[in-house]
């Protein structure tokens, strides 16, 4: 959700601009401030950011994004396996006379938010044509998939495709150990995908096609401390993103999937809130509820969409979950805490992640904090002077 001032929003950030009465009501009586979720000298990826917000130090536990996604998909991994994220991306020809792969432009890192059903067909075709004894492709959700390479290299320089939207890919192709094989796979995928029936149908509908695979985010199988053993509380994760499910499984948390949860602006906001309420009613103590929509809007440079996603979070998630917990407190005397924050900024103007600190609110029932603010946003949170230098430090304050 965190961002920079945007001219079309009267110089405000989406958080400043959005109507969010429930969140702002909490913020008035909450501890509010800033937190540095991305460790120093670490890339501002969703993996280390969410791990940090969950209370786990990425410097200790983070081994890469892809193995977390592989775990969420139930993919078996040996300690020596290297796992890569495998995006299906849309590429466009540039104005040059050459149609070589390296002169293509990254048109869309998500292939037009391709459906899981369509992409599963495409990854099956890639597996059938490009797999080998030591390398295989596994379908995930939408445009996000996994490649597992036995004894694969971990030092290859690979670029996240969402970092290069609209750019010619030549300067961002794989470099270093294993790069020739990875680039060969990416190039070869174009011929397989070009006239696949899925892409023919998408082309006829005027939709972005999946023109190439794009490998990045490699890592090995992680091992995180068990959440229940560490904190003595039963918990769960709710999301539409494989990465979050992988983090949850690594931490020994229950994974709750919600029908209609897409990771986009059309996600089932209300369904996520209902799942959280049901989880608490069933005896869970802690729920990590993740919404991807503001991040996706940031990557697409969609300021109005980002504002709308924040407003939907407020109306359909923050409000209903807060009301349930408050009613439960009145009926049972059980106090509760709610913490709201982004995992990292995804500024609309940059269309990629930033390592800047993010605003948080920590609401404790029955307590009126002196650092409350009228509008939950970056500038007001920073003015409180409250700052945590890491996600795990903030999480300890939340869970204590």
Protein backbone atom coordinates (compact mmCIF):
# COMPACT_ATOMS: atom_id res chain seq x y z
CA UNK A 1 0.00 0.00 0.00
CA UNK A 2 2.86 2.39 0.73
CA UNK A 3 3.74 4.82 -2.04
CA UNK A 4 5.04 8.28 -2.99
CA UNK A 5 2.95 11.43 -3.61
CA UNK A 6 1.09 11.15 -6.93
CA UNK A 7 0.10 14.24 -8.97
CA UNK A 8 -3.21 12.77 -10.14
CA UNK A 9 -4.15 12.25 -6.47
CA UNK A 10 -3.63 15.97 -5.70
CA UNK A 11 -0.08 15.26 -4.59
CA UNK A 12 -1.17 12.68 -2.02
CA UNK A 13 -0.23 9.03 -1.68
CA UNK A 14 -2.93 6.38 -2.20
CA UNK A 15 -3.03 5.84 1.57
CA UNK A 16 -3.54 9.56 2.18
CA UNK A 17 -6.18 9.83 -0.53
CA UNK A 18 -8.22 6.67 0.10
CA UNK A 19 -11.42 6.70 2.16
CA UNK A 20 -10.75 4.20 4.95
CA UNK A 21 -12.93 5.03 7.97
CA UNK A 22 -12.39 1.73 9.77
CA UNK A 23 -8.61 1.81 9.54
CA UNK A 24 -8.49 5.48 10.45
CA UNK A 25 -10.71 4.88 13.47
CA UNK A 26 -8.26 2.24 14.67
CA UNK A 27 -5.30 4.50 13.87
CA UNK A 28 -6.62 7.25 16.17
CA UNK A 29 -6.24 4.91 19.14
CA UNK A 30 -3.28 2.82 17.98
CA UNK A 31 0.48 2.89 18.24
CA UNK A 32 1.46 4.23 14.82
CA UNK A 33 4.86 4.71 13.27
CA UNK A 34 7.31 3.44 10.68
CA UNK A 35 9.06 0.10 10.36
CA UNK A 36 11.99 -1.01 8.19
CA UNK A 37 10.84 -4.39 6.90
CA UNK A 38 13.67 -4.89 4.37
CA UNK A 39 17.06 -5.65 5.94
CA UNK A 40 20.02 -3.53 4.92
CA UNK A 41 21.60 -4.54 1.60
CA UNK A 42 18.80 -7.01 0.78
CA UNK A 43 16.65 -6.70 -2.34
CA UNK A 44 13.12 -5.45 -1.50
CA UNK A 45 11.34 -8.63 -2.51
CA UNK A 46 8.01 -9.87 -1.19
CA UNK A 47 9.73 -12.95 0.25
CA UNK A 48 12.02 -11.26 2.78
CA UNK A 49 9.46 -8.49 3.39
CA UNK A 50 6.62 -10.82 4.38
CA UNK A 51 8.98 -13.06 6.31
CA UNK A 52 10.10 -9.98 8.23
CA UNK A 53 6.53 -8.87 8.99
CA UNK A 54 5.76 -12.42 10.21
CA UNK A 55 8.54 -12.06 12.76
CA UNK A 56 11.29 -14.07 11.08
CA UNK A 57 14.66 -12.46 10.35
CA UNK A 58 15.33 -12.77 6.59
CA UNK A 59 19.08 -12.66 7.29
CA UNK A 60 18.65 -15.95 9.15
CA UNK A 61 15.86 -17.74 7.29
CA UNK A 62 15.51 -16.41 3.76
CA UNK A 63 16.93 -18.66 1.03
CA UNK A 64 14.99 -17.29 -1.95
CA UNK A 65 11.42 -16.70 -3.06
CA UNK A 66 10.98 -19.66 -5.37
CA UNK A 67 11.47 -22.49 -2.86
CA UNK A 68 8.75 -20.95 -0.68
CA UNK A 69 6.37 -21.01 -3.63
CA UNK A 70 7.41 -24.58 -4.44
CA UNK A 71 6.61 -25.65 -0.88
CA UNK A 72 3.14 -24.14 -1.19
CA UNK A 73 2.57 -26.25 -4.30
CA UNK A 74 3.67 -29.44 -2.56
CA UNK A 75 6.76 -29.86 -4.74
CA UNK A 76 9.31 -32.24 -3.26
CA UNK A 77 12.76 -30.67 -2.96
CA UNK A 78 16.12 -32.14 -2.08
CA UNK A 79 18.59 -29.91 -0.18
CA UNK A 80 20.71 -29.72 -3.33
CA UNK A 81 17.85 -28.64 -5.62
CA UNK A 82 17.81 -25.07 -6.90
CA UNK A 83 14.30 -23.72 -7.40
CA UNK A 84 13.47 -20.83 -9.75
CA UNK A 85 10.32 -18.76 -10.18
CA UNK A 86 9.09 -19.29 -13.73
CA UNK A 87 6.91 -16.41 -14.92
CA UNK A 88 4.90 -16.53 -18.11
CA UNK A 89 5.53 -13.09 -19.63
CA UNK A 90 4.36 -11.08 -22.63
CA UNK A 91 7.09 -9.74 -24.90
CA UNK A 92 6.72 -7.17 -27.66
CA UNK A 93 8.87 -6.45 -30.69
CA UNK A 94 10.75 -3.18 -30.57
CA UNK A 95 11.14 -0.72 -33.37
CA UNK A 96 14.48 -2.25 -34.35
CA UNK A 97 14.91 -4.23 -37.53
CA UNK A 98 16.04 -7.24 -35.54
CA UNK A 99 13.49 -9.63 -34.04
CA UNK A 100 16.08 -11.37 -31.90
CA UNK A 101 14.95 -12.42 -28.43
CA UNK A 102 17.24 -9.96 -26.65
CA UNK A 103 15.72 -7.01 -28.53
CA UNK A 104 12.21 -7.71 -27.27
CA UNK A 105 10.48 -5.46 -24.71
CA UNK A 106 8.93 -6.67 -21.44
CA UNK A 107 5.33 -5.83 -22.24
CA UNK A 108 3.67 -7.58 -19.29
CA UNK A 109 5.28 -9.64 -16.52
CA UNK A 110 1.92 -11.39 -15.88
CA UNK A 111 0.78 -12.20 -19.44
CA UNK A 112 -2.37 -10.19 -18.89
CA UNK A 113 -3.02 -11.87 -15.52
CA UNK A 114 -3.43 -15.13 -17.38
CA UNK A 115 -5.76 -17.63 -15.71
CA UNK A 116 -4.46 -20.63 -13.82
CA UNK A 117 -6.32 -22.98 -16.15
CA UNK A 118 -4.70 -21.45 -19.24
CA UNK A 119 -1.23 -21.24 -17.77
CA UNK A 120 -1.34 -24.84 -16.54
CA UNK A 121 -1.78 -25.94 -20.15
CA UNK A 122 1.16 -23.84 -21.24
CA UNK A 123 3.48 -25.06 -18.47
CA UNK A 124 2.51 -28.64 -19.33
CA UNK A 125 3.63 -27.98 -22.91
CA UNK A 126 6.89 -26.45 -21.64
CA UNK A 127 7.52 -29.45 -19.38
CA UNK A 128 6.82 -31.85 -22.24
CA UNK A 129 9.29 -30.11 -24.57
CA UNK A 130 12.03 -28.61 -22.37
CA UNK A 131 12.30 -30.80 -19.26
CA UNK A 132 15.22 -33.17 -18.72
CA UNK A 133 16.41 -35.65 -16.12
CA UNK A 134 17.72 -32.87 -13.91
CA UNK A 135 15.28 -30.03 -14.65
CA UNK A 136 11.47 -29.86 -14.49
CA UNK A 137 8.67 -27.31 -14.69
CA UNK A 138 5.73 -27.25 -12.25
CA UNK A 139 2.46 -25.32 -12.66
CA UNK A 140 1.45 -22.76 -10.05
CA UNK A 141 -1.19 -20.05 -10.15
CA UNK A 142 -1.87 -17.50 -12.86
CA UNK A 143 1.49 -16.43 -14.31
CA UNK A 144 3.57 -17.73 -11.35
CA UNK A 145 5.21 -21.17 -11.76
CA UNK A 146 8.30 -23.07 -10.61
CA UNK A 147 11.35 -24.68 -12.17
CA UNK A 148 13.44 -27.18 -10.19
CA UNK A 149 17.03 -27.85 -11.29
CA UNK A 150 18.92 -30.61 -9.50
CA UNK A 151 22.31 -29.28 -8.34
CA UNK A 152 21.49 -26.04 -10.18
CA UNK A 153 23.53 -22.85 -9.73
CA UNK A 154 22.60 -20.37 -7.05
CA UNK A 155 24.77 -17.44 -8.15
CA UNK A 156 23.19 -16.73 -11.54
CA UNK A 157 22.28 -13.06 -11.89
CA UNK A 158 18.57 -12.99 -12.74
CA UNK A 159 16.19 -10.01 -12.91
CA UNK A 160 12.58 -9.99 -11.67
CA UNK A 161 10.41 -9.29 -14.73
CA UNK A 162 8.20 -6.83 -12.84
CA UNK A 163 11.29 -4.64 -12.43
CA UNK A 164 11.68 -4.10 -16.18
CA UNK A 165 8.16 -3.40 -17.46
CA UNK A 166 8.38 -1.48 -20.72
CA UNK A 167 12.13 -2.03 -21.05
CA UNK A 168 14.15 -3.88 -23.69
CA UNK A 169 15.27 -7.14 -22.06
CA UNK A 170 18.78 -7.20 -23.53
CA UNK A 171 20.42 -5.63 -20.47
CA UNK A 172 18.52 -7.91 -18.06
CA UNK A 173 19.15 -11.38 -19.44
CA UNK A 174 20.77 -14.08 -17.25
CA UNK A 175 24.44 -13.67 -16.38
CA UNK A 176 27.01 -15.88 -14.71
CA UNK A 177 26.98 -19.53 -13.72
CA UNK A 178 24.24 -21.45 -15.56
CA UNK A 179 23.11 -18.43 -17.56
CA UNK A 180 23.59 -20.04 -20.98
CA UNK A 181 21.24 -22.91 -20.15
CA UNK A 182 18.64 -20.64 -18.56
CA UNK A 183 18.70 -18.26 -21.53
CA UNK A 184 18.41 -21.22 -23.91
CA UNK A 185 15.29 -22.41 -22.07
CA UNK A 186 13.75 -18.95 -22.19
CA UNK A 187 14.46 -18.55 -25.91
CA UNK A 188 13.23 -22.06 -26.74
CA UNK A 189 9.98 -21.48 -24.89
CA UNK A 190 8.95 -18.81 -27.42
CA UNK A 191 8.54 -21.30 -30.27
CA UNK A 192 6.54 -23.65 -28.05
CA UNK A 193 4.19 -20.94 -26.81
CA UNK A 194 3.70 -18.89 -29.96
CA UNK A 195 1.03 -21.01 -31.65
CA UNK A 196 -0.27 -22.89 -28.65
CA UNK A 197 -4.11 -23.02 -28.69
CA UNK A 198 -4.25 -21.04 -25.44
CA UNK A 199 -2.33 -18.17 -26.99
CA UNK A 200 -4.30 -18.35 -30.23
CA UNK A 201 -7.52 -17.93 -28.23
CA UNK A 202 -6.06 -15.07 -26.19
CA UNK A 203 -4.82 -13.34 -29.33
CA UNK A 204 -8.28 -13.58 -30.90
CA UNK A 205 -9.76 -11.96 -27.77
CA UNK A 206 -7.23 -9.14 -27.86
CA UNK A 207 -5.55 -10.32 -24.63
CA UNK A 208 -1.85 -10.34 -23.88
CA UNK A 209 -0.28 -13.65 -24.80
CA UNK A 210 2.24 -15.71 -22.83
CA UNK A 211 5.24 -15.37 -25.15
CA UNK A 212 8.11 -16.67 -23.01
CA UNK A 213 9.05 -18.17 -19.68
CA UNK A 214 11.24 -15.98 -17.47
CA UNK A 215 13.33 -17.57 -14.72
CA UNK A 216 14.36 -15.64 -11.58
CA UNK A 217 14.33 -15.65 -7.77
CA UNK A 218 16.29 -18.86 -7.26
CA UNK A 219 16.88 -20.48 -3.89
CA UNK A 220 17.10 -23.69 -1.87
CA UNK A 221 14.68 -25.31 0.57
CA UNK A 222 14.36 -23.17 3.72
CA UNK A 223 13.87 -24.18 7.35
CA UNK A 224 11.94 -21.76 9.60
CA UNK A 225 11.28 -22.05 13.32
CA UNK A 226 7.82 -23.46 14.12
CA UNK A 227 5.44 -20.60 14.97
CA UNK A 228 3.39 -22.47 17.58
CA UNK A 229 6.47 -23.79 19.37
CA UNK A 230 8.04 -20.32 19.32
CA UNK A 231 5.04 -18.26 20.42
CA UNK A 232 2.66 -20.80 21.96
CA UNK A 233 -0.18 -19.78 19.65
CA UNK A 234 -2.03 -21.54 16.83
CA UNK A 235 -2.12 -19.59 13.60
CA UNK A 236 -2.92 -19.52 9.90
CA UNK A 237 -2.24 -17.58 6.71
CA UNK A 238 -4.87 -16.36 4.26
CA UNK A 239 -3.74 -15.24 0.82
CA UNK A 240 -3.98 -15.79 -2.93
CA UNK A 241 -0.22 -15.96 -3.39
CA UNK A 242 1.89 -19.12 -3.35
CA UNK A 243 4.74 -17.28 -1.65
CA UNK A 244 2.62 -16.57 1.44
CA UNK A 245 1.34 -20.13 1.57
CA UNK A 246 4.93 -21.34 1.41
CA UNK A 247 5.94 -19.07 4.27
CA UNK A 248 2.99 -20.32 6.27
CA UNK A 249 3.82 -23.97 5.69
CA UNK A 250 7.46 -23.38 6.58
CA UNK A 251 6.36 -21.80 9.86
CA UNK A 252 3.94 -24.62 10.64
CA UNK A 253 0.89 -22.40 10.17
CA UNK A 254 -2.41 -23.59 8.74
CA UNK A 255 -3.02 -22.52 5.14
CA UNK A 256 -6.53 -21.21 4.39
CA UNK A 257 -7.48 -20.84 0.73
CA UNK A 258 -10.47 -18.70 -0.21
CA UNK A 259 -12.66 -19.22 -3.27
CA UNK A 260 -12.32 -16.29 -5.63
CA UNK A 261 -9.04 -15.05 -4.13
CA UNK A 262 -7.01 -13.93 -7.15
CA UNK A 263 -4.25 -11.61 -5.91
CA UNK A 264 -5.75 -8.85 -8.08
CA UNK A 265 -8.26 -6.06 -7.67
CA UNK A 266 -11.07 -8.53 -8.43
CA UNK A 267 -10.11 -10.73 -5.47
CA UNK A 268 -12.68 -11.93 -2.94
CA UNK A 269 -12.03 -9.34 -0.21
CA UNK A 270 -15.14 -10.26 1.78
CA UNK A 271 -14.35 -13.96 1.51
CA UNK A 272 -10.94 -13.40 3.09
CA UNK A 273 -12.52 -11.58 6.03
CA UNK A 274 -15.10 -14.33 6.45
CA UNK A 275 -12.34 -16.92 6.44
CA UNK A 276 -10.48 -15.01 9.14
CA UNK A 277 -13.60 -14.77 11.32
CA UNK A 278 -14.25 -18.47 10.83
CA UNK A 279 -10.64 -19.22 11.76
CA UNK A 280 -10.85 -17.26 14.99
CA UNK A 281 -14.21 -18.84 15.83
CA UNK A 282 -12.63 -22.29 15.36
CA UNK A 283 -9.95 -21.56 17.97
CA UNK A 284 -7.08 -19.98 16.05
CA UNK A 285 -5.12 -17.32 17.94
CA UNK A 286 -3.34 -15.58 15.08
CA UNK A 287 -4.06 -14.97 11.40
CA UNK A 288 -1.76 -13.41 8.81
CA UNK A 289 -4.18 -12.03 6.22
CA UNK A 290 -2.39 -10.95 3.05
CA UNK A 291 -3.86 -8.92 0.18
CA UNK A 292 -1.87 -8.64 -3.04
CA UNK A 293 -4.10 -6.16 -4.91
CA UNK A 294 -2.32 -2.90 -3.91
CA UNK A 295 1.02 -4.41 -4.96
CA UNK A 296 -0.32 -5.50 -8.35
CA UNK A 297 -1.80 -2.04 -8.95
CA UNK A 298 1.55 -0.51 -8.06
CA UNK A 299 3.34 -2.73 -10.57
CA UNK A 300 0.85 -1.72 -13.26
CA UNK A 301 1.17 2.00 -12.49
CA UNK A 302 -2.54 2.10 -11.60
CA UNK A 303 -3.07 4.83 -8.98
CA UNK A 304 -6.91 4.75 -9.02
CA UNK A 305 -6.82 0.97 -8.72
CA UNK A 306 -4.49 1.20 -5.76
CA UNK A 307 -6.80 3.65 -4.01
CA UNK A 308 -9.76 1.37 -4.71
CA UNK A 309 -7.91 -1.67 -3.36
CA UNK A 310 -7.16 0.16 -0.10
CA UNK A 311 -10.79 1.21 0.21
CA UNK A 312 -11.94 -2.36 -0.35
CA UNK A 313 -9.50 -3.63 2.28
CA UNK A 314 -10.98 -1.14 4.72
CA UNK A 315 -14.63 -1.86 3.91
CA UNK A 316 -14.57 -5.61 3.37
CA UNK A 317 -11.67 -6.81 5.56
CA UNK A 318 -10.53 -4.40 8.26
CA UNK A 319 -14.05 -3.35 9.24
CA UNK A 320 -15.70 -6.81 9.46
CA UNK A 321 -12.76 -8.49 11.21
CA UNK A 322 -12.46 -5.63 13.71
CA UNK A 323 -16.21 -5.73 14.46
CA UNK A 324 -16.09 -9.49 15.05
CA UNK A 325 -13.15 -9.25 17.44
CA UNK A 326 -14.75 -6.35 19.31
CA UNK A 327 -18.09 -8.16 19.66
CA UNK A 328 -16.24 -11.24 20.86
CA UNK A 329 -14.42 -9.11 23.45
CA UNK A 330 -17.69 -7.68 24.74
CA UNK A 331 -19.18 -11.17 24.99
CA UNK A 332 -16.19 -13.05 26.40
CA UNK A 333 -13.81 -10.44 27.80
CA UNK A 334 -11.06 -11.63 25.45
CA UNK A 335 -8.76 -8.79 24.40
CA UNK A 336 -7.15 -8.69 20.97
CA UNK A 337 -4.63 -6.88 18.78
CA UNK A 338 -4.77 -5.87 15.14
CA UNK A 339 -1.70 -4.80 13.16
CA UNK A 340 -2.00 -3.26 9.70
CA UNK A 341 0.94 -2.51 7.43
CA UNK A 342 2.34 -3.08 3.92
CA UNK A 343 5.16 -5.59 3.54
CA UNK A 344 7.05 -3.06 1.36
CA UNK A 345 6.23 -0.03 -0.81
CA UNK A 346 5.36 -0.52 -4.48
CA UNK A 347 5.25 3.07 -5.75
CA UNK A 348 3.04 3.67 -8.78
CA UNK A 349 5.70 5.94 -10.31
CA UNK A 350 8.38 3.24 -10.03
CA UNK A 351 6.17 0.22 -10.81
CA UNK A 352 8.42 -1.93 -8.65
CA UNK A 353 9.33 -2.48 -5.01
CA UNK A 354 11.17 -0.04 -2.77
CA UNK A 355 13.23 -0.72 0.35
CA UNK A 356 11.83 2.36 2.15
CA UNK A 357 10.21 1.95 5.59
CA UNK A 358 6.44 1.48 5.72
CA UNK A 359 3.74 2.87 8.04
CA UNK A 360 2.16 0.56 10.61
CA UNK A 361 -0.65 0.73 13.11
CA UNK A 362 -0.82 -1.53 16.16
CA UNK A 363 -4.24 -1.46 17.76
CA UNK A 364 -4.80 -3.04 21.19
CA UNK A 365 -8.38 -3.35 22.40
CA UNK A 366 -9.30 -1.12 25.31
CA UNK A 367 -6.15 1.03 25.07
CA UNK A 368 -5.95 4.55 23.69
CA UNK A 369 -2.37 5.05 22.51
CA UNK A 370 -0.76 8.48 22.66
CA UNK A 371 0.79 8.00 19.21
CA UNK A 372 -2.53 7.67 17.40
CA UNK A 373 -3.05 9.54 14.12
CA UNK A 374 -6.17 10.78 12.33
CA UNK A 375 -5.20 9.44 8.90
CA UNK A 376 -3.24 6.21 8.53
CA UNK A 377 -0.63 7.14 5.92
CA UNK A 378 3.10 7.50 5.43
CA UNK A 379 3.56 11.15 6.46
CA UNK A 380 1.33 11.04 9.55
CA UNK A 381 2.88 7.77 10.76
CA UNK A 382 6.37 9.22 10.37
CA UNK A 383 5.46 12.31 12.42
CA UNK A 384 4.83 10.18 15.52
CA UNK A 385 8.56 9.52 15.81
CA UNK A 386 7.89 5.84 16.54
CA UNK A 387 10.19 3.63 14.49
CA UNK A 388 11.16 -0.03 14.48
CA UNK A 389 14.34 -1.01 12.69
CA UNK A 390 13.07 -4.47 11.69
CA UNK A 391 9.89 -6.42 11.12
CA UNK A 392 10.77 -9.01 13.80
CA UNK A 393 11.21 -6.21 16.38
CA UNK A 394 7.72 -4.88 15.58
CA UNK A 395 6.27 -8.39 15.58
CA UNK A 396 7.55 -8.99 19.11
CA UNK A 397 5.63 -5.90 20.23
CA UNK A 398 2.52 -7.25 18.48
CA UNK A 399 2.68 -10.80 19.79
CA UNK A 400 3.79 -10.08 23.39
